[in-house]
C-alpha atoms as a PDB file:
ATOM      1  CA  MET A   1     -24.595   1.791  27.750  1.00  0.00           C
ATOM      2  CA  PRO A   2     -25.126  -1.353  25.828  1.00  0.00           C
ATOM      3  CA  ILE A   3     -22.731  -2.450  23.173  1.00  0.00           C
ATOM      4  CA  VAL A   4     -23.837  -2.381  19.679  1.00  0.00           C
ATOM      5  CA  LYS A   5     -22.375  -5.041  17.526  1.00  0.00           C
ATOM      6  CA  ASN A   6     -21.673  -4.731  13.532  1.00  0.00           C
ATOM      7  CA  PRO A   7     -24.782  -5.498  11.650  1.00  0.00           C
ATOM      8  CA  GLU A   8     -22.559  -7.541   9.612  1.00  0.00           C
ATOM      9  CA  ASP A   9     -21.926  -9.933  12.385  1.00  0.00           C
ATOM     10  CA  TYR A  10     -25.737 -10.976  12.271  1.00  0.00           C
ATOM     11  CA  THR A  11     -27.018 -13.620  10.274  1.00  0.00           C
ATOM     12  CA  LEU A  12     -30.557 -14.101   9.057  1.00  0.00           C
ATOM     13  CA  PRO A  13     -32.288 -17.318  10.325  1.00  0.00           C
ATOM     14  CA  PRO A  14     -32.923 -19.896   7.343  1.00  0.00           C
ATOM     15  CA  PRO A  15     -36.280 -19.059   5.800  1.00  0.00           C
ATOM     16  CA  ARG A  16     -39.058 -21.206   6.445  1.00  0.00           C
ATOM     17  CA  PRO A  17     -39.850 -24.121   4.032  1.00  0.00           C
ATOM     18  CA  GLN A  18     -42.361 -23.620   1.208  1.00  0.00           C
ATOM     19  CA  ARG A  19     -44.638 -26.455   2.709  1.00  0.00           C
ATOM     20  CA  HIS A  20     -44.766 -24.502   6.005  1.00  0.00           C
ATOM     21  CA  ILE A  21     -45.728 -21.346   4.364  1.00  0.00           C
ATOM     22  CA  ASP A  22     -48.307 -23.237   2.328  1.00  0.00           C
ATOM     23  CA  ASP A  23     -49.794 -24.996   5.662  1.00  0.00           C
ATOM     24  CA  SER A  24     -49.934 -21.421   7.134  1.00  0.00           C
ATOM     25  CA  ASN A  25     -51.824 -20.385   4.184  1.00  0.00           C
ATOM     26  CA  TRP A  26     -54.333 -23.118   4.004  1.00  0.00           C
ATOM     27  CA  VAL A  27     -55.099 -22.489   7.718  1.00  0.00           C
ATOM     28  CA  SER A  28     -55.815 -18.908   6.920  1.00  0.00           C
ATOM     29  CA  GLN A  29     -57.908 -19.788   3.921  1.00  0.00           C
ATOM     30  CA  ASN A  30     -59.995 -22.325   6.023  1.00  0.00           C
ATOM     31  CA  ILE A  31     -60.249 -20.856   9.250  1.00  0.00           C
ATOM     32  CA  ASN A  32     -64.049 -20.744   9.019  1.00  0.00           C
ATOM     33  CA  GLU A  33     -64.418 -24.247   8.583  1.00  0.00           C
ATOM     34  CA  LEU A  34     -61.729 -25.378  11.194  1.00  0.00           C
ATOM     35  CA  THR A  35     -63.545 -22.907  13.651  1.00  0.00           C
ATOM     36  CA  GLU A  36     -66.846 -24.919  13.217  1.00  0.00           C
ATOM     37  CA  LYS A  37     -64.838 -28.385  13.460  1.00  0.00           C
ATOM     38  CA  TYR A  38     -62.397 -27.518  16.125  1.00  0.00           C
ATOM     39  CA  PRO A  39     -63.549 -24.565  18.370  1.00  0.00           C
ATOM     40  CA  ASP A  40     -61.210 -23.481  20.992  1.00  0.00           C
ATOM     41  CA  LEU A  41     -58.619 -26.336  20.235  1.00  0.00           C
ATOM     42  CA  TRP A  42     -55.180 -26.203  19.231  1.00  0.00           C
ATOM     43  CA  ILE A  43     -54.552 -28.017  16.071  1.00  0.00           C
ATOM     44  CA  ALA A  44     -51.425 -29.219  14.216  1.00  0.00           C
ATOM     45  CA  VAL A  45     -51.366 -28.704  10.473  1.00  0.00           C
ATOM     46  CA  LEU A  46     -49.245 -30.837   8.243  1.00  0.00           C
ATOM     47  CA  ASP A  47     -49.688 -31.168   4.564  1.00  0.00           C
ATOM     48  CA  LYS A  48     -52.746 -29.165   4.665  1.00  0.00           C
ATOM     49  CA  GLU A  49     -54.523 -31.620   6.854  1.00  0.00           C
ATOM     50  CA  VAL A  50     -55.309 -31.421  10.599  1.00  0.00           C
ATOM     51  CA  GLY A  51     -53.152 -34.091  12.317  1.00  0.00           C
ATOM     52  CA  ILE A  52     -54.353 -33.544  15.902  1.00  0.00           C
ATOM     53  CA  ALA A  53     -56.564 -31.251  17.928  1.00  0.00           C
ATOM     54  CA  SER A  54     -56.816 -31.149  21.476  1.00  0.00           C
ATOM     55  CA  LYS A  55     -57.249 -28.526  24.370  1.00  0.00           C
ATOM     56  CA  ASP A  56     -53.578 -29.453  25.647  1.00  0.00           C
ATOM     57  CA  LEU A  57     -50.894 -28.065  23.427  1.00  0.00           C
ATOM     58  CA  GLY A  58     -48.157 -30.309  24.910  1.00  0.00           C
ATOM     59  CA  GLU A  59     -50.402 -33.310  23.539  1.00  0.00           C
ATOM     60  CA  VAL A  60     -50.774 -31.701  20.303  1.00  0.00           C
ATOM     61  CA  HIS A  61     -46.892 -30.853  19.980  1.00  0.00           C
ATOM     62  CA  ARG A  62     -45.864 -34.580  21.049  1.00  0.00           C
ATOM     63  CA  VAL A  63     -48.352 -36.136  18.876  1.00  0.00           C
ATOM     64  CA  ALA A  64     -47.447 -33.999  15.831  1.00  0.00           C
ATOM     65  CA  ARG A  65     -43.897 -34.024  16.051  1.00  0.00           C
ATOM     66  CA  LYS A  66     -44.257 -38.072  16.059  1.00  0.00           C
ATOM     67  CA  LYS A  67     -46.544 -38.232  12.959  1.00  0.00           C
ATOM     68  CA  ALA A  68     -44.185 -35.792  11.185  1.00  0.00           C
ATOM     69  CA  ALA A  69     -41.182 -37.565  12.040  1.00  0.00           C
ATOM     70  CA  GLU A  70     -42.630 -40.777  10.813  1.00  0.00           C
ATOM     71  CA  ILE A  71     -43.123 -39.458   7.522  1.00  0.00           C
ATOM     72  CA  GLY A  72     -39.691 -37.746   7.444  1.00  0.00           C
ATOM     73  CA  ARG A  73     -41.340 -34.154   7.681  1.00  0.00           C
ATOM     74  CA  GLY A  74     -41.516 -31.309  10.029  1.00  0.00           C
ATOM     75  CA  PRO A  75     -42.281 -28.759  11.577  1.00  0.00           C
ATOM     76  CA  CYS A  76     -45.956 -28.674  11.523  1.00  0.00           C
ATOM     77  CA  VAL A  77     -47.898 -25.434  11.651  1.00  0.00           C
ATOM     78  CA  TYR A  78     -49.614 -24.921  15.220  1.00  0.00           C
ATOM     79  CA  THR A  79     -52.615 -22.907  15.435  1.00  0.00           C
ATOM     80  CA  PHE A  80     -55.201 -21.979  18.183  1.00  0.00           C
ATOM     81  CA  VAL A  81     -58.606 -22.106  16.893  1.00  0.00           C
ATOM     82  CA  GLU A  82     -60.774 -19.672  18.721  1.00  0.00           C
ATOM     83  CA  SER A  83     -64.511 -20.046  18.852  1.00  0.00           C
ATOM     84  CA  PHE A  84     -66.586 -16.660  17.640  1.00  0.00           C
END
């Protein structure tokens, strides 16, 4: 039988930064335009702008992390834009 720990021993993860929430909302609000421009590609969004788009998620992640670090920001919002 598994050991059940006291719920008070668990801590919640830190909340997402508001900027990250805003970027996620921006993706949702602009999905039609993003689908036209970036069909079947991974995108990284930072400050409501697409920083990179590629079929290779690893490349998107590497480039986005570098760009975010250069401006002292992070993390980016990563989304796969599926075509209709």
